[in-house]
PDB file of N, CA and C in Angstrom:
ATOM      1  N   UNK A   1       0.842  -1.171   0.000  1.00  0.00           N
ATOM      2  CA  UNK A   1       0.000   0.000   0.000  1.00  0.00           C
ATOM      3  C   UNK A   1       0.893   1.241   0.000  1.00  0.00           C
ATOM      4  N   UNK A   2       0.602   2.176  -0.843  1.00  0.00           N
ATOM      5  CA  UNK A   2       1.354   3.424  -0.875  1.00  0.00           C
ATOM      6  C   UNK A   2       0.444   4.564  -0.472  1.00  0.00           C
ATOM      7  N   UNK A   3       1.049   5.575   0.071  1.00  0.00           N
ATOM      8  CA  UNK A   3       0.313   6.722   0.575  1.00  0.00           C
ATOM      9  C   UNK A   3       0.192   7.788  -0.509  1.00  0.00           C
ATOM     10  N   UNK A   4      -0.793   8.656  -0.355  1.00  0.00           N
ATOM     11  CA  UNK A   4      -0.958   9.788  -1.264  1.00  0.00           C
ATOM     12  C   UNK A   4       0.053  10.882  -0.934  1.00  0.00           C
ATOM     13  N   UNK A   5       0.443  10.974   0.323  1.00  0.00           N
ATOM     14  CA  UNK A   5       1.423  11.957   0.765  1.00  0.00           C
ATOM     15  C   UNK A   5       2.784  11.594   0.170  1.00  0.00           C
ATOM     16  N   UNK A   6       3.410  12.483  -0.622  1.00  0.00           N
ATOM     17  CA  UNK A   6       4.680  12.148  -1.281  1.00  0.00           C
ATOM     18  C   UNK A   6       5.802  11.827  -0.287  1.00  0.00           C
ATOM     19  N   UNK A   7       5.840  12.515   0.844  1.00  0.00           N
ATOM     20  CA  UNK A   7       6.866  12.231   1.841  1.00  0.00           C
ATOM     21  C   UNK A   7       6.655  10.849   2.449  1.00  0.00           C
ATOM     22  N   UNK A   8       5.410  10.518   2.733  1.00  0.00           N
ATOM     23  CA  UNK A   8       5.085   9.207   3.301  1.00  0.00           C
ATOM     24  C   UNK A   8       5.382   8.116   2.271  1.00  0.00           C
ATOM     25  N   UNK A   9       5.070   8.378   1.007  1.00  0.00           N
ATOM     26  CA  UNK A   9       5.335   7.410  -0.057  1.00  0.00           C
ATOM     27  C   UNK A   9       6.834   7.154  -0.178  1.00  0.00           C
ATOM     28  N   UNK A  10       7.635   8.216  -0.108  1.00  0.00           N
ATOM     29  CA  UNK A  10       9.089   8.067  -0.171  1.00  0.00           C
ATOM     30  C   UNK A  10       9.588   7.270   1.027  1.00  0.00           C
ATOM     31  N   UNK A  11       9.054   7.580   2.194  1.00  0.00           N
ATOM     32  CA  UNK A  11       9.442   6.852   3.400  1.00  0.00           C
ATOM     33  C   UNK A  11       9.142   5.358   3.240  1.00  0.00           C
ATOM     34  N   UNK A  12       7.974   5.027   2.750  1.00  0.00           N
ATOM     35  CA  UNK A  12       7.582   3.633   2.574  1.00  0.00           C
ATOM     36  C   UNK A  12       8.478   2.932   1.550  1.00  0.00           C
ATOM     37  N   UNK A  13       8.812   3.643   0.491  1.00  0.00           N
ATOM     38  CA  UNK A  13       9.673   3.071  -0.546  1.00  0.00           C
ATOM     39  C   UNK A  13      11.069   2.795   0.011  1.00  0.00           C
ATOM     40  N   UNK A  14      11.611   3.749   0.763  1.00  0.00           N
ATOM     41  CA  UNK A  14      12.934   3.576   1.350  1.00  0.00           C
ATOM     42  C   UNK A  14      12.933   2.451   2.383  1.00  0.00           C
ATOM     43  N   UNK A  15      11.906   2.398   3.203  1.00  0.00           N
ATOM     44  CA  UNK A  15      11.821   1.336   4.194  1.00  0.00           C
ATOM     45  C   UNK A  15      11.753  -0.035   3.525  1.00  0.00           C
ATOM     46  N   UNK A  16      10.980  -0.124   2.475  1.00  0.00           N
ATOM     47  CA  UNK A  16      10.852  -1.381   1.751  1.00  0.00           C
ATOM     48  C   UNK A  16      12.210  -1.816   1.194  1.00  0.00           C
ATOM     49  N   UNK A  17      12.940  -0.873   0.623  1.00  0.00           N
ATOM     50  CA  UNK A  17      14.263  -1.181   0.088  1.00  0.00           C
ATOM     51  C   UNK A  17      15.205  -1.641   1.195  1.00  0.00           C
ATOM     52  N   UNK A  18      15.209  -0.906   2.309  1.00  0.00           N
ATOM     53  CA  UNK A  18      16.109  -1.230   3.405  1.00  0.00           C
ATOM     54  C   UNK A  18      15.783  -2.590   4.021  1.00  0.00           C
ATOM     55  N   UNK A  19      14.515  -2.938   4.082  1.00  0.00           N
ATOM     56  CA  UNK A  19      14.110  -4.229   4.633  1.00  0.00           C
ATOM     57  C   UNK A  19      14.632  -5.387   3.782  1.00  0.00           C
ATOM     58  N   UNK A  20      14.764  -5.159   2.484  1.00  0.00           N
ATOM     59  CA  UNK A  20      15.247  -6.207   1.574  1.00  0.00           C
ATOM     60  C   UNK A  20      16.768  -6.258   1.492  1.00  0.00           C
ATOM     61  N   UNK A  21      17.438  -5.228   1.963  1.00  0.00           N
ATOM     62  CA  UNK A  21      18.891  -5.135   1.877  1.00  0.00           C
ATOM     63  C   UNK A  21      19.534  -5.941   3.012  1.00  0.00           C
ATOM     64  N   UNK A  22      20.325  -6.952   2.657  1.00  0.00           N
ATOM     65  CA  UNK A  22      20.933  -7.833   3.648  1.00  0.00           C
ATOM     66  C   UNK A  22      21.978  -7.129   4.517  1.00  0.00           C
ATOM     67  N   UNK A  23      22.494  -5.997   4.056  1.00  0.00           N
ATOM     68  CA  UNK A  23      23.509  -5.271   4.818  1.00  0.00           C
ATOM     69  C   UNK A  23      22.920  -4.340   5.873  1.00  0.00           C
ATOM     70  N   UNK A  24      21.614  -4.233   5.907  1.00  0.00           N
ATOM     71  CA  UNK A  24      20.938  -3.324   6.829  1.00  0.00           C
ATOM     72  C   UNK A  24      20.247  -4.131   7.914  1.00  0.00           C
ATOM     73  N   UNK A  25      20.480  -3.748   9.169  1.00  0.00           N
ATOM     74  CA  UNK A  25      19.806  -4.398  10.293  1.00  0.00           C
ATOM     75  C   UNK A  25      18.684  -3.518  10.803  1.00  0.00           C
ATOM     76  N   UNK A  26      17.835  -4.116  11.592  1.00  0.00           N
ATOM     77  CA  UNK A  26      16.724  -3.387  12.190  1.00  0.00           C
ATOM     78  C   UNK A  26      16.764  -3.576  13.698  1.00  0.00           C
ATOM     79  N   UNK A  27      16.228  -2.614  14.413  1.00  0.00           N
ATOM     80  CA  UNK A  27      16.031  -2.790  15.842  1.00  0.00           C
ATOM     81  C   UNK A  27      14.775  -2.057  16.266  1.00  0.00           C
ATOM     82  N   UNK A  28      14.305  -2.463  17.396  1.00  0.00           N
ATOM     83  CA  UNK A  28      13.077  -1.911  17.930  1.00  0.00           C
ATOM     84  C   UNK A  28      13.417  -1.029  19.122  1.00  0.00           C
ATOM     85  N   UNK A  29      12.734   0.094  19.261  1.00  0.00           N
ATOM     86  CA  UNK A  29      12.962   0.991  20.377  1.00  0.00           C
ATOM     87  C   UNK A  29      11.676   1.079  21.189  1.00  0.00           C
ATOM     88  N   UNK A  30      11.807   0.849  22.478  1.00  0.00           N
ATOM     89  CA  UNK A  30      10.672   0.994  23.372  1.00  0.00           C
ATOM     90  C   UNK A  30      10.774   2.348  24.067  1.00  0.00           C
ATOM     91  N   UNK A  31       9.660   2.995  24.241  1.00  0.00           N
ATOM     92  CA  UNK A  31       9.653   4.278  24.943  1.00  0.00           C
ATOM     93  C   UNK A  31       8.342   4.413  25.702  1.00  0.00           C
ATOM     94  N   UNK A  32       8.348   5.256  26.708  1.00  0.00           N
ATOM     95  CA  UNK A  32       7.195   5.446  27.576  1.00  0.00           C
ATOM     96  C   UNK A  32       6.287   6.529  27.004  1.00  0.00           C
ATOM     97  N   UNK A  33       5.030   6.175  26.789  1.00  0.00           N
ATOM     98  CA  UNK A  33       4.075   7.135  26.238  1.00  0.00           C
ATOM     99  C   UNK A  33       3.173   7.723  27.318  1.00  0.00           C
ATOM    100  N   UNK A  34       3.426   7.391  28.549  1.00  0.00           N
ATOM    101  CA  UNK A  34       2.551   7.884  29.610  1.00  0.00           C
ATOM    102  C   UNK A  34       3.288   7.967  30.930  1.00  0.00           C
ATOM    103  N   UNK A  35       2.523   7.972  31.989  1.00  0.00           N
ATOM    104  CA  UNK A  35       3.085   8.105  33.331  1.00  0.00           C
ATOM    105  C   UNK A  35       2.929   6.823  34.138  1.00  0.00           C
ATOM    106  N   UNK A  36       2.868   5.694  33.472  1.00  0.00           N
ATOM    107  CA  UNK A  36       2.711   4.411  34.140  1.00  0.00           C
ATOM    108  C   UNK A  36       4.017   4.035  34.843  1.00  0.00           C
ATOM    109  N   UNK A  37       3.982   3.991  36.163  1.00  0.00           N
ATOM    110  CA  UNK A  37       5.176   3.718  36.953  1.00  0.00           C
ATOM    111  C   UNK A  37       5.710   2.317  36.665  1.00  0.00           C
ATOM    112  N   UNK A  38       4.825   1.350  36.494  1.00  0.00           N
ATOM    113  CA  UNK A  38       5.262  -0.015  36.195  1.00  0.00           C
ATOM    114  C   UNK A  38       5.972  -0.083  34.842  1.00  0.00           C
ATOM    115  N   UNK A  39       5.436   0.619  33.852  1.00  0.00           N
ATOM    116  CA  UNK A  39       6.058   0.636  32.525  1.00  0.00           C
ATOM    117  C   UNK A  39       7.425   1.307  32.597  1.00  0.00           C
ATOM    118  N   UNK A  40       7.524   2.376  33.376  1.00  0.00           N
ATOM    119  CA  UNK A  40       8.807   3.063  33.526  1.00  0.00           C
ATOM    120  C   UNK A  40       9.831   2.159  34.186  1.00  0.00           C
ATOM    121  N   UNK A  41       9.394   1.372  35.167  1.00  0.00           N
ATOM    122  CA  UNK A  41      10.302   0.448  35.840  1.00  0.00           C
ATOM    123  C   UNK A  41      10.772  -0.638  34.872  1.00  0.00           C
ATOM    124  N   UNK A  42       9.860  -1.144  34.057  1.00  0.00           N
ATOM    125  CA  UNK A  42      10.239  -2.156  33.068  1.00  0.00           C
ATOM    126  C   UNK A  42      11.255  -1.599  32.077  1.00  0.00           C
ATOM    127  N   UNK A  43      11.044  -0.382  31.622  1.00  0.00           N
ATOM    128  CA  UNK A  43      11.976   0.240  30.678  1.00  0.00           C
ATOM    129  C   UNK A  43      13.350   0.437  31.323  1.00  0.00           C
ATOM    130  N   UNK A  44      13.369   0.826  32.587  1.00  0.00           N
ATOM    131  CA  UNK A  44      14.642   0.986  33.298  1.00  0.00           C
ATOM    132  C   UNK A  44      15.354  -0.352  33.439  1.00  0.00           C
ATOM    133  N   UNK A  45      14.592  -1.400  33.754  1.00  0.00           N
ATOM    134  CA  UNK A  45      15.184  -2.736  33.870  1.00  0.00           C
ATOM    135  C   UNK A  45      15.760  -3.198  32.539  1.00  0.00           C
ATOM    136  N   UNK A  46      15.044  -2.934  31.456  1.00  0.00           N
ATOM    137  CA  UNK A  46      15.533  -3.293  30.126  1.00  0.00           C
ATOM    138  C   UNK A  46      16.819  -2.539  29.816  1.00  0.00           C
ATOM    139  N   UNK A  47      16.838  -1.259  30.121  1.00  0.00           N
ATOM    140  CA  UNK A  47      18.023  -0.438  29.879  1.00  0.00           C
ATOM    141  C   UNK A  47      19.219  -0.976  30.670  1.00  0.00           C
ATOM    142  N   UNK A  48      18.981  -1.338  31.924  1.00  0.00           N
ATOM    143  CA  UNK A  48      20.057  -1.876  32.764  1.00  0.00           C
ATOM    144  C   UNK A  48      20.569  -3.201  32.217  1.00  0.00           C
ATOM    145  N   UNK A  49      19.662  -4.055  31.782  1.00  0.00           N
ATOM    146  CA  UNK A  49      20.057  -5.357  31.235  1.00  0.00           C
ATOM    147  C   UNK A  49      20.886  -5.175  29.965  1.00  0.00           C
ATOM    148  N   UNK A  50      20.460  -4.260  29.105  1.00  0.00           N
ATOM    149  CA  UNK A  50      21.208  -4.005  27.873  1.00  0.00           C
ATOM    150  C   UNK A  50      22.602  -3.468  28.181  1.00  0.00           C
ATOM    151  N   UNK A  51      22.687  -2.588  29.181  1.00  0.00           N
ATOM    152  CA  UNK A  51      23.976  -2.017  29.563  1.00  0.00           C
ATOM    153  C   UNK A  51      24.892  -3.104  30.108  1.00  0.00           C
ATOM    154  N   UNK A  52      24.352  -4.011  30.909  1.00  0.00           N
ATOM    155  CA  UNK A  52      25.150  -5.103  31.462  1.00  0.00           C
ATOM    156  C   UNK A  52      25.679  -6.005  30.354  1.00  0.00           C
ATOM    157  N   UNK A  53      24.843  -6.298  29.372  1.00  0.00           N
ATOM    158  CA  UNK A  53      25.264  -7.126  28.236  1.00  0.00           C
ATOM    159  C   UNK A  53      26.374  -6.424  27.456  1.00  0.00           C
ATOM    160  N   UNK A  54      26.198  -5.131  27.233  1.00  0.00           N
ATOM    161  CA  UNK A  54      27.195  -4.355  26.490  1.00  0.00           C
ATOM    162  C   UNK A  54      28.540  -4.365  27.218  1.00  0.00           C
ATOM    163  N   UNK A  55      28.496  -4.201  28.540  1.00  0.00           N
ATOM    164  CA  UNK A  55      29.733  -4.207  29.319  1.00  0.00           C
ATOM    165  C   UNK A  55      30.407  -5.578  29.266  1.00  0.00           C
ATOM    166  N   UNK A  56      29.631  -6.650  29.352  1.00  0.00           N
ATOM    167  CA  UNK A  56      30.200  -7.993  29.261  1.00  0.00           C
ATOM    168  C   UNK A  56      30.860  -8.206  27.906  1.00  0.00           C
ATOM    169  N   UNK A  57      30.210  -7.755  26.841  1.00  0.00           N
ATOM    170  CA  UNK A  57      30.768  -7.905  25.495  1.00  0.00           C
ATOM    171  C   UNK A  57      32.067  -7.117  25.360  1.00  0.00           C
ATOM    172  N   UNK A  58      32.101  -5.918  25.911  1.00  0.00           N
ATOM    173  CA  UNK A  58      33.303  -5.096  25.837  1.00  0.00           C
ATOM    174  C   UNK A  58      34.451  -5.733  26.606  1.00  0.00           C
ATOM    175  N   UNK A  59      34.140  -6.397  27.719  1.00  0.00           N
ATOM    176  CA  UNK A  59      35.183  -7.056  28.516  1.00  0.00           C
ATOM    177  C   UNK A  59      35.734  -8.288  27.809  1.00  0.00           C
ATOM    178  N   UNK A  60      34.950  -8.872  26.917  1.00  0.00           N
ATOM    179  CA  UNK A  60      35.410 -10.048  26.185  1.00  0.00           C
ATOM    180  C   UNK A  60      36.287  -9.695  24.997  1.00  0.00           C
ATOM    181  N   UNK A  61      36.169  -8.466  24.505  1.00  0.00           N
ATOM    182  CA  UNK A  61      36.955  -8.048  23.346  1.00  0.00           C
ATOM    183  C   UNK A  61      38.400  -7.785  23.778  1.00  0.00           C
ATOM    184  N   UNK A  62      39.352  -8.216  22.965  1.00  0.00           N
ATOM    185  CA  UNK A  62      40.762  -7.953  23.297  1.00  0.00           C
ATOM    186  C   UNK A  62      41.070  -6.454  23.215  1.00  0.00           C
ATOM    187  N   UNK A  63      41.871  -5.994  24.137  1.00  0.00           N
ATOM    188  CA  UNK A  63      42.265  -4.578  24.152  1.00  0.00           C
ATOM    189  C   UNK A  63      43.280  -4.317  23.051  1.00  0.00           C
ATOM    190  N   UNK A  64      43.190  -3.152  22.439  1.00  0.00           N
ATOM    191  CA  UNK A  64      44.138  -2.779  21.371  1.00  0.00           C
ATOM    192  C   UNK A  64      45.385  -2.190  21.954  1.00  0.00           C
TER     193      UNK A  64
END
């Protein structure tokens, strides 16, 4: 489906191309759209877990 809006149509075309390109990766971003304390806590926990994984990966890489 393509949009009538030329900017939206271009965006859709570029996204379609990028999705088919094997050299391009995708990731999902979670963000808080409200004031839900539980959701904010979950997002903080996710952020902490990602940071811990990143630090472990960096410690495994040989120093230059």
